[in-house]
């Protein structure tokens, strides 16, 4: 719950957060302004899992981000990797990612960022069982509404493509995309 008061004191109220995830660092400070290591994040994934065990909820009352943590989803690792990678980029590359050099440059820069971020979490992908990998691949193809996995590719290649496409969508949503008719004059 967040309480707020206007500067002139005429408006006050509270915002109730029933579904959004709030992350704190080990000192109890809100952590949305900097990247945290897994050890610094509070509540920890284990604490979130224990909460569901100690106080069971029906599936419709468990937000998707919470269920992903409980299931051991790597999405948070992918987002962390994207942000950490972006923080290392030079100004020119960041300009391109944000679209300051035109649509073509933005698409290419965002694809590079996504591919680099996926490369850093590849060891986590290798830990997935065959069933988990198949589900991740199927989920991507269902979400993208395409024809399904490319049967000429190995399972590892298909998984990498699926996770890279998810990363590309995360990057595009985080950094924005220019309209298709945008160009640099």
N, C-alpha and C. Protein backbone atom coordinates (compact mmCIF):
# COMPACT_ATOMS: atom_id res chain seq x y z
N UNK A 1 0.85 -1.17 0.00
CA UNK A 1 0.00 0.00 0.00
C UNK A 1 0.89 1.23 0.00
N UNK A 2 0.57 2.20 -0.85
CA UNK A 2 1.30 3.45 -0.90
C UNK A 2 0.36 4.58 -0.53
N UNK A 3 0.74 5.36 0.45
CA UNK A 3 -0.04 6.53 0.84
C UNK A 3 0.52 7.74 0.12
N UNK A 4 -0.33 8.68 -0.27
CA UNK A 4 0.15 9.88 -0.92
C UNK A 4 -0.64 11.09 -0.43
N UNK A 5 0.03 12.23 -0.45
CA UNK A 5 -0.56 13.51 -0.06
C UNK A 5 -0.06 14.54 -1.05
N UNK A 6 -0.94 15.44 -1.48
CA UNK A 6 -0.50 16.47 -2.42
C UNK A 6 0.30 17.53 -1.67
N UNK A 7 1.04 18.32 -2.42
CA UNK A 7 1.87 19.36 -1.83
C UNK A 7 1.03 20.34 -1.02
N UNK A 8 -0.16 20.72 -1.54
CA UNK A 8 -0.99 21.67 -0.81
C UNK A 8 -1.91 20.99 0.20
N UNK A 9 -1.81 19.70 0.34
CA UNK A 9 -2.58 19.01 1.36
C UNK A 9 -4.04 18.84 1.05
N UNK A 10 -4.46 19.14 -0.19
CA UNK A 10 -5.87 19.03 -0.53
C UNK A 10 -6.27 17.63 -0.98
N UNK A 11 -5.30 16.86 -1.43
CA UNK A 11 -5.59 15.53 -1.94
C UNK A 11 -4.74 14.52 -1.17
N UNK A 12 -5.39 13.49 -0.69
CA UNK A 12 -4.67 12.41 -0.01
C UNK A 12 -5.36 11.11 -0.37
N UNK A 13 -4.63 10.03 -0.23
CA UNK A 13 -5.23 8.74 -0.53
C UNK A 13 -4.23 7.62 -0.41
N UNK A 14 -4.64 6.47 -0.90
CA UNK A 14 -3.78 5.29 -0.84
C UNK A 14 -3.97 4.48 -2.10
N UNK A 15 -2.88 3.95 -2.62
CA UNK A 15 -2.92 3.04 -3.75
C UNK A 15 -2.66 1.64 -3.22
N UNK A 16 -3.57 0.73 -3.48
CA UNK A 16 -3.40 -0.65 -3.05
C UNK A 16 -2.78 -1.45 -4.18
N UNK A 17 -1.74 -2.19 -3.87
CA UNK A 17 -1.05 -2.99 -4.87
C UNK A 17 -1.41 -4.45 -4.64
N UNK A 18 -2.29 -4.97 -5.47
CA UNK A 18 -2.70 -6.36 -5.30
C UNK A 18 -1.95 -7.30 -6.23
N UNK A 19 -1.30 -6.78 -7.27
CA UNK A 19 -0.71 -7.67 -8.26
C UNK A 19 0.72 -7.33 -8.64
N UNK A 20 1.20 -6.13 -8.39
CA UNK A 20 2.54 -5.75 -8.82
C UNK A 20 3.60 -6.23 -7.85
N UNK A 21 4.76 -6.54 -8.37
CA UNK A 21 5.86 -6.99 -7.53
C UNK A 21 6.70 -5.79 -7.08
N UNK A 22 6.98 -5.72 -5.80
CA UNK A 22 7.83 -4.68 -5.26
C UNK A 22 9.08 -5.37 -4.73
N UNK A 23 10.24 -4.90 -5.17
CA UNK A 23 11.51 -5.53 -4.79
C UNK A 23 12.27 -4.59 -3.87
N UNK A 24 12.82 -5.15 -2.80
CA UNK A 24 13.63 -4.40 -1.85
C UNK A 24 15.03 -4.99 -1.82
N UNK A 25 16.00 -4.15 -1.46
CA UNK A 25 17.35 -4.67 -1.28
C UNK A 25 17.50 -5.20 0.14
N UNK A 26 18.68 -5.70 0.46
CA UNK A 26 18.91 -6.32 1.76
C UNK A 26 18.70 -5.33 2.91
N UNK A 27 18.84 -4.03 2.66
CA UNK A 27 18.65 -3.01 3.69
C UNK A 27 17.18 -2.59 3.81
N UNK A 28 16.32 -3.15 2.97
CA UNK A 28 14.91 -2.81 3.03
C UNK A 28 14.52 -1.60 2.21
N UNK A 29 15.40 -1.14 1.33
CA UNK A 29 15.10 0.02 0.48
C UNK A 29 14.52 -0.45 -0.85
N UNK A 30 13.56 0.31 -1.40
CA UNK A 30 13.04 -0.06 -2.72
C UNK A 30 14.19 -0.14 -3.72
N UNK A 31 14.13 -1.12 -4.61
CA UNK A 31 15.29 -1.40 -5.45
C UNK A 31 15.03 -1.24 -6.93
N UNK A 32 14.01 -0.47 -7.30
CA UNK A 32 13.72 -0.37 -8.73
C UNK A 32 14.72 0.50 -9.48
N UNK A 33 15.58 1.21 -8.78
CA UNK A 33 16.50 2.12 -9.45
C UNK A 33 17.86 1.52 -9.75
N UNK A 34 18.14 0.30 -9.30
CA UNK A 34 19.44 -0.30 -9.61
C UNK A 34 19.29 -1.81 -9.72
N UNK A 35 20.20 -2.42 -10.44
CA UNK A 35 20.17 -3.87 -10.60
C UNK A 35 20.66 -4.52 -9.31
N UNK A 36 20.02 -5.60 -8.91
CA UNK A 36 20.41 -6.33 -7.71
C UNK A 36 20.87 -7.72 -8.09
N UNK A 37 21.81 -8.24 -7.34
CA UNK A 37 22.16 -9.64 -7.51
C UNK A 37 21.06 -10.48 -6.87
N UNK A 38 20.99 -11.76 -7.19
CA UNK A 38 19.97 -12.63 -6.63
C UNK A 38 20.04 -12.65 -5.11
N UNK A 39 21.24 -12.53 -4.56
CA UNK A 39 21.40 -12.56 -3.10
C UNK A 39 20.87 -11.30 -2.43
N UNK A 40 20.78 -10.21 -3.16
CA UNK A 40 20.32 -8.94 -2.59
C UNK A 40 18.81 -8.76 -2.63
N UNK A 41 18.11 -9.50 -3.46
CA UNK A 41 16.68 -9.30 -3.65
C UNK A 41 15.89 -9.79 -2.44
N UNK A 42 14.99 -8.96 -1.96
CA UNK A 42 14.08 -9.30 -0.87
C UNK A 42 12.67 -8.97 -1.31
N UNK A 43 11.66 -9.75 -1.03
CA UNK A 43 11.76 -11.11 -0.53
C UNK A 43 12.48 -12.02 -1.52
N UNK A 44 13.12 -13.04 -0.99
CA UNK A 44 13.83 -13.99 -1.83
C UNK A 44 12.83 -14.92 -2.52
N UNK A 45 13.29 -15.63 -3.54
CA UNK A 45 12.42 -16.59 -4.22
C UNK A 45 11.94 -17.64 -3.24
N UNK A 46 12.80 -18.08 -2.34
CA UNK A 46 12.40 -19.08 -1.35
C UNK A 46 11.33 -18.53 -0.41
N UNK A 47 11.44 -17.27 -0.04
CA UNK A 47 10.41 -16.66 0.82
C UNK A 47 9.07 -16.57 0.10
N UNK A 48 9.10 -16.26 -1.21
CA UNK A 48 7.85 -16.23 -1.97
C UNK A 48 7.24 -17.63 -2.03
N UNK A 49 8.08 -18.66 -2.26
CA UNK A 49 7.56 -20.04 -2.31
C UNK A 49 6.99 -20.45 -0.95
N UNK A 50 7.70 -20.12 0.11
CA UNK A 50 7.24 -20.49 1.46
C UNK A 50 5.91 -19.81 1.79
N UNK A 51 5.73 -18.58 1.34
CA UNK A 51 4.47 -17.86 1.56
C UNK A 51 3.30 -18.62 0.93
N UNK A 52 3.51 -19.14 -0.29
CA UNK A 52 2.45 -19.91 -0.95
C UNK A 52 2.20 -21.24 -0.24
N UNK A 53 3.25 -21.82 0.32
CA UNK A 53 3.09 -23.08 1.05
C UNK A 53 2.36 -22.84 2.36
N UNK A 54 2.78 -21.81 3.09
CA UNK A 54 2.19 -21.52 4.41
C UNK A 54 0.77 -20.95 4.29
N UNK A 55 0.50 -20.22 3.22
CA UNK A 55 -0.80 -19.57 3.03
C UNK A 55 -1.27 -19.81 1.61
N UNK A 56 -1.76 -21.03 1.32
CA UNK A 56 -2.15 -21.38 -0.05
C UNK A 56 -3.24 -20.45 -0.59
N UNK A 57 -3.15 -20.21 -1.88
CA UNK A 57 -4.13 -19.38 -2.60
C UNK A 57 -4.57 -20.13 -3.84
N UNK A 58 -5.76 -19.82 -4.28
CA UNK A 58 -6.20 -20.41 -5.53
C UNK A 58 -5.42 -19.73 -6.67
N UNK A 59 -5.23 -20.41 -7.79
CA UNK A 59 -4.39 -19.88 -8.88
C UNK A 59 -4.79 -18.47 -9.34
N UNK A 60 -6.07 -18.16 -9.35
CA UNK A 60 -6.47 -16.83 -9.81
C UNK A 60 -6.07 -15.71 -8.85
N UNK A 61 -5.63 -16.08 -7.63
CA UNK A 61 -5.19 -15.09 -6.66
C UNK A 61 -3.67 -15.06 -6.50
N UNK A 62 -2.96 -15.67 -7.44
CA UNK A 62 -1.50 -15.63 -7.45
C UNK A 62 -1.07 -14.92 -8.73
N UNK A 63 -0.52 -13.70 -8.62
CA UNK A 63 -0.09 -12.98 -9.82
C UNK A 63 0.91 -13.79 -10.64
N UNK A 64 0.94 -13.55 -11.94
CA UNK A 64 1.80 -14.33 -12.83
C UNK A 64 3.28 -14.20 -12.45
N UNK A 65 3.72 -13.00 -12.03
CA UNK A 65 5.12 -12.83 -11.66
C UNK A 65 5.46 -13.67 -10.43
N UNK A 66 4.52 -13.81 -9.51
CA UNK A 66 4.74 -14.61 -8.30
C UNK A 66 4.80 -16.09 -8.67
N UNK A 67 3.89 -16.53 -9.52
CA UNK A 67 3.89 -17.92 -9.94
C UNK A 67 5.19 -18.26 -10.67
N UNK A 68 5.67 -17.31 -11.48
CA UNK A 68 6.93 -17.53 -12.20
C UNK A 68 8.09 -17.71 -11.22
N UNK A 69 8.11 -16.92 -10.16
CA UNK A 69 9.15 -17.08 -9.14
C UNK A 69 9.02 -18.44 -8.47
N UNK A 70 7.81 -18.80 -8.10
CA UNK A 70 7.59 -20.09 -7.43
C UNK A 70 7.97 -21.26 -8.32
N UNK A 71 7.75 -21.10 -9.63
CA UNK A 71 8.08 -22.17 -10.57
C UNK A 71 9.55 -22.19 -10.96
N UNK A 72 10.31 -21.18 -10.51
CA UNK A 72 11.72 -21.11 -10.87
C UNK A 72 11.94 -20.58 -12.27
N UNK A 73 11.03 -19.73 -12.75
CA UNK A 73 11.13 -19.16 -14.09
C UNK A 73 12.38 -18.30 -14.22
N UNK A 74 12.99 -18.32 -15.39
CA UNK A 74 14.19 -17.54 -15.66
C UNK A 74 13.89 -16.15 -16.20
N UNK A 75 12.62 -15.76 -16.28
CA UNK A 75 12.28 -14.46 -16.87
C UNK A 75 12.97 -13.32 -16.13
N UNK A 76 13.00 -13.38 -14.81
CA UNK A 76 13.67 -12.32 -14.05
C UNK A 76 15.15 -12.27 -14.40
N UNK A 77 15.77 -13.43 -14.58
CA UNK A 77 17.18 -13.46 -14.95
C UNK A 77 17.38 -12.85 -16.33
N UNK A 78 16.45 -13.10 -17.23
CA UNK A 78 16.55 -12.52 -18.57
C UNK A 78 16.42 -11.00 -18.50
N UNK A 79 15.46 -10.50 -17.75
CA UNK A 79 15.28 -9.05 -17.62
C UNK A 79 16.51 -8.44 -16.95
N UNK A 80 17.02 -9.07 -15.90
CA UNK A 80 18.23 -8.58 -15.24
C UNK A 80 19.40 -8.54 -16.21
N UNK A 81 19.51 -9.57 -17.03
CA UNK A 81 20.59 -9.64 -18.01
C UNK A 81 20.46 -8.52 -19.04
N UNK A 82 19.25 -8.26 -19.50
CA UNK A 82 19.02 -7.18 -20.46
C UNK A 82 19.44 -5.85 -19.86
N UNK A 83 19.00 -5.58 -18.63
CA UNK A 83 19.34 -4.31 -18.00
C UNK A 83 20.83 -4.19 -17.73
N UNK A 84 21.44 -5.26 -17.24
CA UNK A 84 22.88 -5.22 -16.97
C UNK A 84 23.67 -5.00 -18.25
N UNK A 85 23.27 -5.66 -19.33
CA UNK A 85 23.94 -5.49 -20.61
C UNK A 85 23.77 -4.07 -21.12
N UNK A 86 22.56 -3.54 -21.02
CA UNK A 86 22.31 -2.17 -21.49
C UNK A 86 23.16 -1.16 -20.73
N UNK A 87 23.39 -1.41 -19.45
CA UNK A 87 24.19 -0.48 -18.65
C UNK A 87 25.66 -0.43 -19.10
N UNK A 88 26.10 -1.43 -19.83
CA UNK A 88 27.50 -1.46 -20.27
C UNK A 88 27.70 -0.84 -21.65
N UNK A 89 26.63 -0.50 -22.32
CA UNK A 89 26.72 -0.01 -23.69
C UNK A 89 27.19 1.43 -23.76
N UNK A 90 27.86 1.75 -24.86
CA UNK A 90 28.32 3.12 -25.10
C UNK A 90 27.14 3.98 -25.54
N UNK A 91 27.32 5.27 -25.43
CA UNK A 91 26.26 6.22 -25.73
C UNK A 91 25.69 6.05 -27.14
N UNK A 92 26.53 5.84 -28.13
CA UNK A 92 26.05 5.67 -29.50
C UNK A 92 25.12 4.48 -29.65
N UNK A 93 25.47 3.38 -29.00
CA UNK A 93 24.62 2.19 -29.06
C UNK A 93 23.30 2.43 -28.32
N UNK A 94 23.36 3.13 -27.20
CA UNK A 94 22.13 3.46 -26.47
C UNK A 94 21.24 4.39 -27.31
N UNK A 95 21.87 5.35 -27.99
CA UNK A 95 21.09 6.22 -28.89
C UNK A 95 20.34 5.38 -29.92
N UNK A 96 21.01 4.40 -30.48
CA UNK A 96 20.37 3.54 -31.48
C UNK A 96 19.24 2.73 -30.84
N UNK A 97 19.46 2.18 -29.67
CA UNK A 97 18.43 1.36 -29.00
C UNK A 97 17.17 2.18 -28.75
N UNK A 98 17.34 3.44 -28.36
CA UNK A 98 16.19 4.29 -28.10
C UNK A 98 15.59 4.88 -29.38
N UNK A 99 16.21 4.65 -30.53
CA UNK A 99 15.65 5.10 -31.80
C UNK A 99 16.15 6.44 -32.28
N UNK A 100 17.21 6.94 -31.71
CA UNK A 100 17.71 8.26 -32.10
C UNK A 100 18.49 8.22 -33.41
N UNK A 101 18.64 7.05 -34.00
CA UNK A 101 19.36 6.94 -35.27
C UNK A 101 18.50 6.31 -36.35
N UNK A 102 17.21 6.28 -36.13
CA UNK A 102 16.28 5.72 -37.11
C UNK A 102 15.84 4.31 -36.77
N UNK A 103 14.80 3.88 -37.47
CA UNK A 103 14.18 2.59 -37.17
C UNK A 103 15.10 1.40 -37.44
N UNK A 104 15.78 1.40 -38.58
CA UNK A 104 16.66 0.28 -38.91
C UNK A 104 17.76 0.11 -37.88
N UNK A 105 18.38 1.23 -37.50
CA UNK A 105 19.44 1.17 -36.49
C UNK A 105 18.88 0.72 -35.15
N UNK A 106 17.65 1.15 -34.82
CA UNK A 106 17.04 0.75 -33.56
C UNK A 106 16.78 -0.76 -33.54
N UNK A 107 16.21 -1.28 -34.60
CA UNK A 107 15.92 -2.72 -34.66
C UNK A 107 17.21 -3.53 -34.52
N UNK A 108 18.25 -3.12 -35.22
CA UNK A 108 19.52 -3.85 -35.16
C UNK A 108 20.14 -3.77 -33.77
N UNK A 109 20.13 -2.58 -33.18
CA UNK A 109 20.73 -2.41 -31.84
C UNK A 109 19.94 -3.19 -30.79
N UNK A 110 18.63 -3.18 -30.90
CA UNK A 110 17.81 -3.92 -29.95
C UNK A 110 18.00 -5.43 -30.11
N UNK A 111 18.15 -5.90 -31.34
CA UNK A 111 18.41 -7.32 -31.57
C UNK A 111 19.76 -7.72 -30.98
N UNK A 112 20.77 -6.87 -31.12
CA UNK A 112 22.09 -7.16 -30.52
C UNK A 112 22.00 -7.22 -29.00
N UNK A 113 21.28 -6.28 -28.41
CA UNK A 113 21.12 -6.27 -26.95
C UNK A 113 20.43 -7.54 -26.49
N UNK A 114 19.35 -7.93 -27.16
CA UNK A 114 18.63 -9.15 -26.78
C UNK A 114 19.51 -10.38 -26.90
N UNK A 115 20.23 -10.50 -28.00
CA UNK A 115 21.09 -11.67 -28.23
C UNK A 115 22.20 -11.75 -27.18
N UNK A 116 22.80 -10.61 -26.85
CA UNK A 116 23.86 -10.59 -25.84
C UNK A 116 23.31 -10.99 -24.48
N UNK A 117 22.14 -10.46 -24.13
CA UNK A 117 21.53 -10.79 -22.84
C UNK A 117 21.19 -12.27 -22.75
N UNK A 118 20.67 -12.83 -23.83
CA UNK A 118 20.35 -14.27 -23.84
C UNK A 118 21.63 -15.09 -23.68
N UNK A 119 22.70 -14.64 -24.30
CA UNK A 119 23.98 -15.35 -24.16
C UNK A 119 24.43 -15.46 -22.72
N UNK A 120 24.14 -14.45 -21.91
CA UNK A 120 24.58 -14.50 -20.52
C UNK A 120 23.75 -15.47 -19.67
N UNK A 121 22.52 -15.77 -20.10
CA UNK A 121 21.72 -16.71 -19.31
C UNK A 121 21.69 -18.11 -19.91
N UNK A 122 22.47 -18.34 -20.95
CA UNK A 122 22.50 -19.65 -21.59
C UNK A 122 22.77 -20.80 -20.60
N UNK A 123 23.67 -20.63 -19.62
CA UNK A 123 23.85 -21.72 -18.65
C UNK A 123 22.56 -22.08 -17.90
N UNK A 124 21.71 -21.11 -17.63
CA UNK A 124 20.43 -21.40 -16.97
C UNK A 124 19.52 -22.21 -17.89
N UNK A 125 19.55 -21.90 -19.18
CA UNK A 125 18.72 -22.64 -20.13
C UNK A 125 19.17 -24.09 -20.22
N UNK A 126 20.47 -24.30 -20.12
CA UNK A 126 21.01 -25.66 -20.20
C UNK A 126 20.55 -26.53 -19.03
N UNK A 127 20.18 -25.90 -17.91
CA UNK A 127 19.73 -26.64 -16.73
C UNK A 127 18.29 -27.13 -16.84
N UNK A 128 17.55 -26.64 -17.82
CA UNK A 128 16.14 -27.01 -17.98
C UNK A 128 16.02 -28.46 -18.46
N UNK A 129 14.98 -29.13 -17.96
CA UNK A 129 14.71 -30.50 -18.41
C UNK A 129 14.16 -30.46 -19.83
N UNK A 130 14.13 -31.61 -20.47
CA UNK A 130 13.60 -31.68 -21.84
C UNK A 130 12.15 -31.22 -21.89
N UNK A 131 11.37 -31.62 -20.89
CA UNK A 131 9.96 -31.22 -20.84
C UNK A 131 9.82 -29.70 -20.67
N UNK A 132 10.66 -29.11 -19.82
CA UNK A 132 10.62 -27.66 -19.62
C UNK A 132 11.02 -26.93 -20.89
N UNK A 133 12.03 -27.45 -21.57
CA UNK A 133 12.47 -26.83 -22.83
C UNK A 133 11.36 -26.88 -23.87
N UNK A 134 10.74 -28.05 -24.00
CA UNK A 134 9.65 -28.19 -24.97
C UNK A 134 8.51 -27.23 -24.66
N UNK A 135 8.19 -27.09 -23.38
CA UNK A 135 7.11 -26.18 -22.98
C UNK A 135 7.47 -24.73 -23.30
N UNK A 136 8.71 -24.34 -23.06
CA UNK A 136 9.15 -22.98 -23.37
C UNK A 136 9.06 -22.72 -24.87
N UNK A 137 9.47 -23.69 -25.66
CA UNK A 137 9.42 -23.55 -27.12
C UNK A 137 7.97 -23.47 -27.58
N UNK A 138 7.12 -24.38 -27.07
CA UNK A 138 5.70 -24.36 -27.45
C UNK A 138 5.03 -23.05 -27.03
N UNK A 139 5.37 -22.57 -25.83
CA UNK A 139 4.77 -21.32 -25.34
C UNK A 139 5.12 -20.16 -26.25
N UNK A 140 6.39 -20.09 -26.68
CA UNK A 140 6.76 -19.01 -27.58
C UNK A 140 6.00 -19.08 -28.89
N UNK A 141 5.95 -20.26 -29.49
CA UNK A 141 5.29 -20.38 -30.78
C UNK A 141 3.79 -20.13 -30.66
N UNK A 142 3.19 -20.54 -29.54
CA UNK A 142 1.79 -20.23 -29.32
C UNK A 142 1.56 -18.74 -29.17
N UNK A 143 2.47 -18.08 -28.47
CA UNK A 143 2.36 -16.65 -28.24
C UNK A 143 2.57 -15.86 -29.53
N UNK A 144 3.51 -16.31 -30.34
CA UNK A 144 3.82 -15.57 -31.58
C UNK A 144 2.88 -15.94 -32.73
N UNK A 145 2.08 -16.97 -32.52
CA UNK A 145 1.10 -17.42 -33.52
C UNK A 145 1.74 -17.76 -34.86
N UNK A 146 2.91 -18.35 -34.80
CA UNK A 146 3.55 -18.76 -36.05
C UNK A 146 3.27 -20.25 -36.30
N UNK A 147 3.98 -20.82 -37.23
CA UNK A 147 3.71 -22.20 -37.63
C UNK A 147 4.28 -23.25 -36.69
N UNK A 148 4.99 -22.83 -35.66
CA UNK A 148 5.55 -23.80 -34.73
C UNK A 148 7.04 -23.97 -34.91
N UNK A 149 7.62 -24.84 -34.12
CA UNK A 149 9.08 -25.03 -34.14
C UNK A 149 9.58 -25.45 -35.51
N UNK A 150 10.78 -25.00 -35.82
CA UNK A 150 11.45 -25.38 -37.07
C UNK A 150 12.06 -26.75 -36.84
N UNK A 151 11.54 -27.76 -37.51
CA UNK A 151 11.97 -29.14 -37.29
C UNK A 151 13.38 -29.41 -37.80
N UNK A 152 13.95 -28.47 -38.56
CA UNK A 152 15.33 -28.66 -39.01
C UNK A 152 16.34 -28.24 -37.93
N UNK A 153 15.84 -27.64 -36.86
CA UNK A 153 16.72 -27.18 -35.78
C UNK A 153 16.71 -28.17 -34.62
N UNK A 154 17.80 -28.20 -33.88
CA UNK A 154 17.85 -29.03 -32.68
C UNK A 154 17.01 -28.37 -31.60
N UNK A 155 16.73 -29.11 -30.54
CA UNK A 155 15.98 -28.57 -29.42
C UNK A 155 16.70 -27.38 -28.80
N UNK A 156 18.03 -27.47 -28.67
CA UNK A 156 18.81 -26.36 -28.12
C UNK A 156 18.68 -25.11 -28.98
N UNK A 157 18.75 -25.30 -30.31
CA UNK A 157 18.63 -24.15 -31.22
C UNK A 157 17.24 -23.54 -31.15
N UNK A 158 16.23 -24.39 -31.10
CA UNK A 158 14.86 -23.90 -31.01
C UNK A 158 14.64 -23.12 -29.72
N UNK A 159 15.19 -23.63 -28.61
CA UNK A 159 15.05 -22.95 -27.33
C UNK A 159 15.74 -21.59 -27.37
N UNK A 160 16.92 -21.56 -27.92
CA UNK A 160 17.66 -20.29 -28.01
C UNK A 160 16.90 -19.27 -28.85
N UNK A 161 16.34 -19.70 -29.96
CA UNK A 161 15.54 -18.81 -30.81
C UNK A 161 14.32 -18.29 -30.04
N UNK A 162 13.63 -19.19 -29.35
CA UNK A 162 12.43 -18.79 -28.60
C UNK A 162 12.77 -17.78 -27.51
N UNK A 163 13.82 -18.04 -26.74
CA UNK A 163 14.19 -17.13 -25.67
C UNK A 163 14.70 -15.81 -26.24
N UNK A 164 15.41 -15.85 -27.35
CA UNK A 164 15.87 -14.61 -27.99
C UNK A 164 14.69 -13.77 -28.45
N UNK A 165 13.66 -14.40 -29.00
CA UNK A 165 12.47 -13.65 -29.44
C UNK A 165 11.76 -13.03 -28.23
N UNK A 166 11.69 -13.75 -27.12
CA UNK A 166 11.11 -13.17 -25.90
C UNK A 166 11.94 -11.98 -25.46
N UNK A 167 13.25 -12.13 -25.48
CA UNK A 167 14.14 -11.03 -25.09
C UNK A 167 13.94 -9.82 -26.01
N UNK A 168 13.79 -10.06 -27.30
CA UNK A 168 13.57 -8.95 -28.23
C UNK A 168 12.29 -8.19 -27.91
N UNK A 169 11.26 -8.91 -27.51
CA UNK A 169 10.00 -8.24 -27.13
C UNK A 169 10.18 -7.45 -25.84
N UNK A 170 10.90 -8.03 -24.88
CA UNK A 170 11.15 -7.31 -23.63
C UNK A 170 11.93 -6.03 -23.91
N UNK A 171 12.96 -6.12 -24.75
CA UNK A 171 13.78 -4.95 -25.10
C UNK A 171 12.92 -3.90 -25.80
N UNK A 172 12.11 -4.31 -26.76
CA UNK A 172 11.26 -3.36 -27.50
C UNK A 172 10.28 -2.67 -26.56
N UNK A 173 9.73 -3.41 -25.62
CA UNK A 173 8.78 -2.79 -24.70
C UNK A 173 9.49 -1.87 -23.72
N UNK A 174 10.70 -2.24 -23.33
CA UNK A 174 11.44 -1.42 -22.36
C UNK A 174 11.98 -0.14 -23.00
N UNK A 175 12.50 -0.23 -24.22
CA UNK A 175 13.16 0.91 -24.84
C UNK A 175 12.33 1.58 -25.93
N UNK A 176 11.18 0.99 -26.27
CA UNK A 176 10.30 1.59 -27.26
C UNK A 176 10.67 1.22 -28.68
N UNK A 177 9.74 1.46 -29.59
CA UNK A 177 9.98 1.21 -31.01
C UNK A 177 9.43 2.38 -31.82
N UNK A 178 10.16 2.72 -32.86
CA UNK A 178 9.72 3.78 -33.75
C UNK A 178 8.65 3.25 -34.70
N UNK A 179 7.79 4.14 -35.21
CA UNK A 179 6.81 3.70 -36.20
C UNK A 179 7.51 3.16 -37.44
N UNK A 180 6.85 2.29 -38.17
CA UNK A 180 7.45 1.65 -39.35
C UNK A 180 7.87 2.67 -40.42
N UNK A 181 7.21 3.82 -40.49
CA UNK A 181 7.55 4.80 -41.51
C UNK A 181 8.58 5.82 -41.03
N UNK A 182 9.22 5.57 -39.90
CA UNK A 182 10.18 6.51 -39.34
C UNK A 182 11.53 6.34 -40.03
N UNK A 183 12.16 7.45 -40.32
CA UNK A 183 13.50 7.40 -40.90
C UNK A 183 14.27 8.64 -40.48
N UNK A 184 15.57 8.56 -40.59
CA UNK A 184 16.42 9.69 -40.26
C UNK A 184 16.56 10.57 -41.48
N UNK A 185 16.32 11.86 -41.32
CA UNK A 185 16.43 12.80 -42.45
C UNK A 185 17.80 13.45 -42.43
